Amino acid sequence: MQSITNRHGLNMPKLGLGTWPMVGQECTAAVVQALDVGYRHIDTAAGYNNEDAVGNALAQTSVPREQIHVTSKVWWDKLAPADMRQSFDNTLKALQSDYIDLFMIHWPTKDWDLERTIETLVSFTEDGRARNIGVANFPLPLLTKVLEELKAPLSVLQVEYHVTLDQTPLLQLARKHDMALTAYSPIVRNRVSDYPQLQAIAEKHGVLPTQVALKWLLDQDGVAAIPKAASRANQLSNLASLQVQLDDEDRALIAGLPKDQRLVSPPFAPQWD
């Protein structure tokens, strides 16, 4: 499994397990199983209500904690400094761990003291309890401000990114600042099979459209993907995408797909453009 590294000490496997919307025993079993078949990157969040389930999996697995990259996130209504610190403490307790590999702001919010929020986020790295920090769902102007005005030492940006949603401006900014980009909803909520172009590429290589969509992302420098997969078959299928070999003809077909198909935009989402 190839990992993404950077100057802040990031060491994040390119393919991870997304856990939303799994909760409880279903989530614990899926994470234990994923670790058993070879995953070493698990993504959770306070807003998913499954950090405790992931923590139970970390306690049950035979894989040493230091070999597992765990990401979690603070929800958008907990971004005042005191609330952030409490949320961070709750995350570590739920995960049954004294540190987290990557801690992120899950969504930006309105009417916040951005500078104090970022200072609080950075403080978690200064006491060693967060190995890396990042943000999710930040649009380009806000991410630019955090990186270039506030000089925040962010390691990762997590956003919706897939074959039908272009994120080139964000990806270029992330690369400029030596950040990884983690793609969520990387297989378009299992809608990739709806596109004849992806079906054709999959048939050409004897693989699945989901594997084509994942490999398109994983072939990109500095890009990770976190598809949700509960079953062993789907987890193994996603891992097998690492072996797919796409060619220029395949990439040209994918480039011709619509690139404005955003799936995730809740009422509290920022202005994207």
Protein backbone atom coordinates (compact mmCIF):
# COMPACT_ATOMS: atom_id res chain seq x y z
CA MET A 1 0.00 0.00 0.00
CA GLN A 2 1.51 3.30 -1.09
CA SER A 3 1.38 6.09 1.48
CA ILE A 4 1.39 9.87 1.19
CA THR A 5 4.06 11.63 3.23
CA ASN A 6 4.84 15.31 3.78
CA ARG A 7 7.03 17.70 5.70
CA HIS A 8 4.66 17.70 8.69
CA GLY A 9 5.24 13.99 9.31
CA LEU A 10 2.15 12.67 7.54
CA ASN A 11 2.27 8.98 6.60
CA MET A 12 -1.21 8.18 5.29
CA PRO A 13 -2.06 5.13 3.16
CA LYS A 14 -3.63 6.20 -0.14
CA LEU A 15 -6.59 3.85 0.20
CA GLY A 16 -8.59 3.97 3.41
CA LEU A 17 -11.90 2.77 4.80
CA GLY A 18 -14.72 5.28 5.06
CA THR A 19 -17.07 4.43 7.92
CA TRP A 20 -20.10 6.71 7.38
CA PRO A 21 -22.97 5.83 7.84
CA MET A 22 -22.05 2.63 9.72
CA VAL A 23 -22.58 2.66 13.49
CA GLY A 24 -22.40 0.24 16.41
CA GLN A 25 -21.46 -3.38 15.92
CA GLU A 26 -21.77 -3.15 12.14
CA CYS A 27 -19.07 -0.49 12.12
CA THR A 28 -16.84 -2.31 14.60
CA ALA A 29 -17.05 -5.55 12.60
CA ALA A 30 -16.34 -3.76 9.32
CA VAL A 31 -13.26 -2.02 10.72
CA VAL A 32 -11.88 -5.19 12.32
CA GLN A 33 -12.40 -7.03 9.05
CA ALA A 34 -10.82 -4.24 7.00
CA LEU A 35 -7.73 -4.28 9.19
CA ASP A 36 -7.62 -8.06 8.86
CA VAL A 37 -7.57 -7.93 5.04
CA GLY A 38 -4.92 -5.23 4.87
CA TYR A 39 -6.35 -1.74 5.37
CA ARG A 40 -4.27 0.58 7.53
CA HIS A 41 -6.24 3.83 7.14
CA ILE A 42 -9.58 4.32 8.91
CA ASP A 43 -11.73 7.45 8.60
CA THR A 44 -14.29 8.44 11.24
CA ALA A 45 -15.78 11.62 12.71
CA ALA A 46 -17.70 12.87 15.73
CA GLY A 47 -20.54 13.67 13.35
CA TYR A 48 -20.78 10.03 12.23
CA ASN A 49 -21.63 8.86 15.77
CA ASN A 50 -19.28 5.91 15.34
CA GLU A 51 -15.98 6.91 16.95
CA ASP A 52 -16.72 4.54 19.84
CA ALA A 53 -17.37 1.71 17.37
CA VAL A 54 -14.05 2.42 15.66
CA GLY A 55 -12.38 2.54 19.07
CA ASN A 56 -13.78 -0.89 19.89
CA ALA A 57 -12.33 -2.19 16.62
CA LEU A 58 -8.92 -0.73 17.44
CA ALA A 59 -9.10 -2.49 20.81
CA GLN A 60 -10.10 -5.81 19.25
CA THR A 61 -7.77 -6.01 16.25
CA SER A 62 -4.42 -7.75 16.40
CA VAL A 63 -2.89 -4.98 14.28
CA PRO A 64 -0.74 -2.70 16.49
CA ARG A 65 -2.18 0.79 16.94
CA GLU A 66 0.98 2.44 15.62
CA GLN A 67 0.49 0.71 12.27
CA ILE A 68 -2.98 2.21 11.75
CA HIS A 69 -3.64 5.72 10.47
CA VAL A 70 -6.85 7.03 12.08
CA THR A 71 -8.59 10.23 10.99
CA SER A 72 -11.39 11.93 12.91
CA LYS A 73 -13.10 15.29 12.76
CA VAL A 74 -14.79 17.90 14.91
CA TRP A 75 -18.34 18.89 13.91
CA TRP A 76 -19.16 22.38 12.65
CA ASP A 77 -21.09 23.43 15.78
CA LYS A 78 -18.10 22.72 18.07
CA LEU A 79 -15.56 25.17 16.66
CA ALA A 80 -15.34 27.62 19.55
CA PRO A 81 -12.01 26.86 21.29
CA ALA A 82 -13.46 25.35 24.49
CA ASP A 83 -15.92 23.24 22.52
CA MET A 84 -13.17 22.06 20.19
CA ARG A 85 -10.98 20.99 23.07
CA GLN A 86 -13.84 19.05 24.62
CA SER A 87 -14.69 17.41 21.29
CA PHE A 88 -11.04 16.46 20.81
CA ASP A 89 -10.88 14.91 24.29
CA ASN A 90 -14.11 13.01 23.58
CA THR A 91 -12.65 11.71 20.31
CA LEU A 92 -9.54 10.32 21.99
CA LYS A 93 -11.63 8.71 24.72
CA ALA A 94 -14.00 7.12 22.19
CA LEU A 95 -11.09 5.83 20.11
CA GLN A 96 -9.41 4.44 23.25
CA SER A 97 -6.19 6.09 22.14
CA ASP A 98 -3.94 8.74 23.61
CA TYR A 99 -3.29 10.28 20.18
CA ILE A 100 -4.84 10.57 16.74
CA ASP A 101 -3.00 10.48 13.44
CA LEU A 102 -5.09 13.19 11.77
CA PHE A 103 -7.64 15.54 13.33
CA MET A 104 -9.73 17.74 11.08
CA ILE A 105 -12.36 20.46 11.07
CA HIS A 106 -15.25 18.63 9.40
CA TRP A 107 -17.08 21.66 7.97
CA PRO A 108 -16.52 25.40 8.14
CA THR A 109 -19.22 27.48 9.78
CA LYS A 110 -20.50 31.04 9.79
CA ASP A 111 -19.95 33.71 12.46
CA TRP A 112 -16.83 32.07 13.86
CA ASP A 113 -13.49 33.38 15.01
CA LEU A 114 -11.49 31.63 12.32
CA GLU A 115 -8.10 32.59 13.70
CA ARG A 116 -8.85 31.27 17.20
CA THR A 117 -10.34 28.08 15.77
CA ILE A 118 -7.22 27.42 13.72
CA GLU A 119 -4.99 28.25 16.71
CA THR A 120 -6.90 25.66 18.74
CA LEU A 121 -6.53 23.09 15.98
CA VAL A 122 -2.79 23.71 15.83
CA SER A 123 -2.52 23.37 19.62
CA PHE A 124 -3.44 19.69 19.36
CA THR A 125 -0.24 19.04 17.42
CA GLU A 126 1.84 21.09 19.84
CA ASP A 127 0.96 18.80 22.75
CA GLY A 128 1.55 15.70 20.60
CA ARG A 129 -1.97 14.31 20.80
CA ALA A 130 -2.65 14.99 17.11
CA ARG A 131 0.13 13.85 14.79
CA ASN A 132 -1.33 15.89 11.91
CA ILE A 133 -4.18 18.33 11.34
CA GLY A 134 -6.36 19.22 8.39
CA VAL A 135 -9.68 20.56 7.19
CA ALA A 136 -12.60 19.14 5.23
CA ASN A 137 -15.09 20.83 2.91
CA PHE A 138 -13.24 24.15 2.81
CA PRO A 139 -13.84 26.06 -0.46
CA LEU A 140 -10.88 27.58 -2.28
CA PRO A 141 -10.97 31.15 -0.83
CA LEU A 142 -11.23 29.91 2.75
CA LEU A 143 -8.50 27.30 2.34
CA THR A 144 -6.27 29.91 0.72
CA LYS A 145 -6.76 32.23 3.69
CA VAL A 146 -5.99 29.51 6.24
CA LEU A 147 -2.84 28.44 4.42
CA GLU A 148 -1.46 31.72 3.15
CA GLU A 149 -2.63 34.30 5.72
CA LEU A 150 -2.86 32.24 8.89
CA LYS A 151 0.02 29.94 7.85
CA ALA A 152 -1.65 26.88 9.36
CA PRO A 153 0.51 23.74 9.08
CA LEU A 154 -2.22 21.61 7.52
CA SER A 155 -1.40 18.15 6.22
CA VAL A 156 -4.65 17.10 4.54
CA LEU A 157 -7.71 18.53 2.81
CA GLN A 158 -10.70 16.17 2.64
CA VAL A 159 -13.39 16.94 0.06
CA GLU A 160 -15.86 15.23 -2.22
CA TYR A 161 -13.87 14.23 -5.31
CA HIS A 162 -14.59 11.68 -8.00
CA VAL A 163 -14.79 11.08 -11.75
CA THR A 164 -17.80 13.39 -12.06
CA LEU A 165 -16.70 16.26 -9.80
CA ASP A 166 -13.66 18.34 -10.71
CA GLN A 167 -11.52 19.63 -7.84
CA THR A 168 -8.51 20.86 -9.81
CA PRO A 169 -8.19 24.31 -8.12
CA LEU A 170 -8.25 22.77 -4.63
CA LEU A 171 -5.85 20.03 -5.67
CA GLN A 172 -3.41 22.55 -7.11
CA LEU A 173 -3.50 24.61 -3.90
CA ALA A 174 -3.03 21.51 -1.77
CA ARG A 175 0.00 20.44 -3.81
CA LYS A 176 1.46 23.95 -3.60
CA HIS A 177 1.39 23.64 0.19
CA ASP A 178 2.52 19.99 0.38
CA MET A 179 -0.92 18.79 1.50
CA ALA A 180 -2.63 15.53 0.64
CA LEU A 181 -6.19 15.55 -0.70
CA THR A 182 -8.48 12.79 0.58
CA ALA A 183 -11.43 12.06 -1.69
CA TYR A 184 -14.72 11.12 -0.08
CA SER A 185 -17.63 9.64 -2.06
CA PRO A 186 -14.91 8.40 -4.46
CA ILE A 187 -17.17 5.93 -6.26
CA VAL A 188 -20.02 8.45 -6.64
CA ARG A 189 -22.22 6.66 -4.11
CA ASN A 190 -22.04 3.52 -6.29
CA ARG A 191 -23.37 5.39 -9.33
CA VAL A 192 -20.26 4.86 -11.44
CA SER A 193 -21.87 1.88 -13.19
CA ASP A 194 -24.45 4.30 -14.64
CA TYR A 195 -21.82 5.69 -17.01
CA PRO A 196 -21.22 3.68 -20.22
CA GLN A 197 -17.68 5.10 -20.45
CA LEU A 198 -16.74 3.57 -17.10
CA GLN A 199 -18.45 0.31 -18.01
CA ALA A 200 -16.41 0.18 -21.21
CA ILE A 201 -13.12 0.82 -19.41
CA ALA A 202 -13.99 -1.81 -16.80
CA GLU A 203 -14.84 -4.42 -19.45
CA LYS A 204 -11.63 -3.65 -21.33
CA HIS A 205 -9.54 -4.44 -18.24
CA GLY A 206 -11.75 -7.18 -16.80
CA VAL A 207 -12.48 -5.19 -13.65
CA LEU A 208 -15.41 -3.31 -12.07
CA PRO A 209 -16.43 0.32 -12.76
CA THR A 210 -15.90 1.06 -9.06
CA GLN A 211 -12.31 -0.14 -9.36
CA VAL A 212 -11.76 2.08 -12.40
CA ALA A 213 -13.10 5.12 -10.53
CA LEU A 214 -10.91 4.41 -7.51
CA LYS A 215 -7.76 3.82 -9.53
CA TRP A 216 -8.30 7.09 -11.43
CA LEU A 217 -8.08 8.87 -8.08
CA LEU A 218 -5.28 6.77 -6.60
CA ASP A 219 -3.10 7.32 -9.68
CA GLN A 220 -3.03 11.04 -8.90
CA ASP A 221 -0.12 12.44 -6.94
CA GLY A 222 -1.03 13.25 -3.35
CA VAL A 223 -4.61 11.93 -3.60
CA ALA A 224 -6.09 9.37 -1.20
CA ALA A 225 -9.58 7.82 -1.29
CA ILE A 226 -11.83 6.51 1.48
CA PRO A 227 -14.68 4.41 0.03
CA LYS A 228 -17.12 2.99 2.57
CA ALA A 229 -17.26 -0.81 2.42
CA ALA A 230 -18.95 -3.04 4.98
CA SER A 231 -18.64 -6.45 3.35
CA ARG A 232 -15.42 -8.40 2.99
CA ALA A 233 -16.08 -8.74 -0.76
CA ASN A 234 -16.35 -4.99 -1.26
CA GLN A 235 -13.34 -4.28 0.92
CA LEU A 236 -11.25 -6.73 -1.10
CA SER A 237 -12.61 -5.34 -4.36
CA ASN A 238 -11.55 -1.84 -3.39
CA LEU A 239 -8.10 -3.07 -2.41
CA ALA A 240 -7.82 -4.81 -5.77
CA SER A 241 -8.33 -1.47 -7.51
CA LEU A 242 -4.69 -0.75 -6.66
CA GLN A 243 -3.70 -3.34 -9.28
CA VAL A 244 -5.74 -1.82 -12.14
CA GLN A 245 -3.65 -0.25 -14.91
CA LEU A 246 -5.37 2.64 -16.68
CA ASP A 247 -4.01 4.00 -19.95
CA ASP A 248 -4.25 7.34 -21.72
CA GLU A 249 -7.33 6.25 -23.65
CA ASP A 250 -9.07 5.42 -20.38
CA ARG A 251 -8.14 8.75 -18.83
CA ALA A 252 -9.40 10.59 -21.92
CA LEU A 253 -12.78 8.87 -21.61
CA ILE A 254 -12.97 9.81 -17.93
CA ALA A 255 -11.99 13.39 -18.75
CA GLY A 256 -15.07 13.58 -20.99
CA LEU A 257 -17.48 12.79 -18.19
CA PRO A 258 -19.49 15.63 -16.58
CA LYS A 259 -17.46 17.25 -13.83
CA ASP A 260 -20.14 19.15 -11.91
CA GLN A 261 -22.00 16.32 -10.15
CA ARG A 262 -21.76 17.28 -6.48
CA LEU A 263 -23.54 14.78 -4.21
CA VAL A 264 -22.90 16.27 -0.76
CA SER A 265 -24.13 19.78 0.00
CA PRO A 266 -26.08 19.92 3.29
CA PRO A 267 -27.86 23.08 4.45
CA PHE A 268 -24.83 24.19 6.46
CA ALA A 269 -22.39 23.74 3.56
CA PRO A 270 -20.29 26.72 2.48
CA GLN A 271 -20.64 28.55 -0.82
CA TRP A 272 -18.68 26.22 -3.08
CA ASP A 273 -17.86 28.55 -5.97
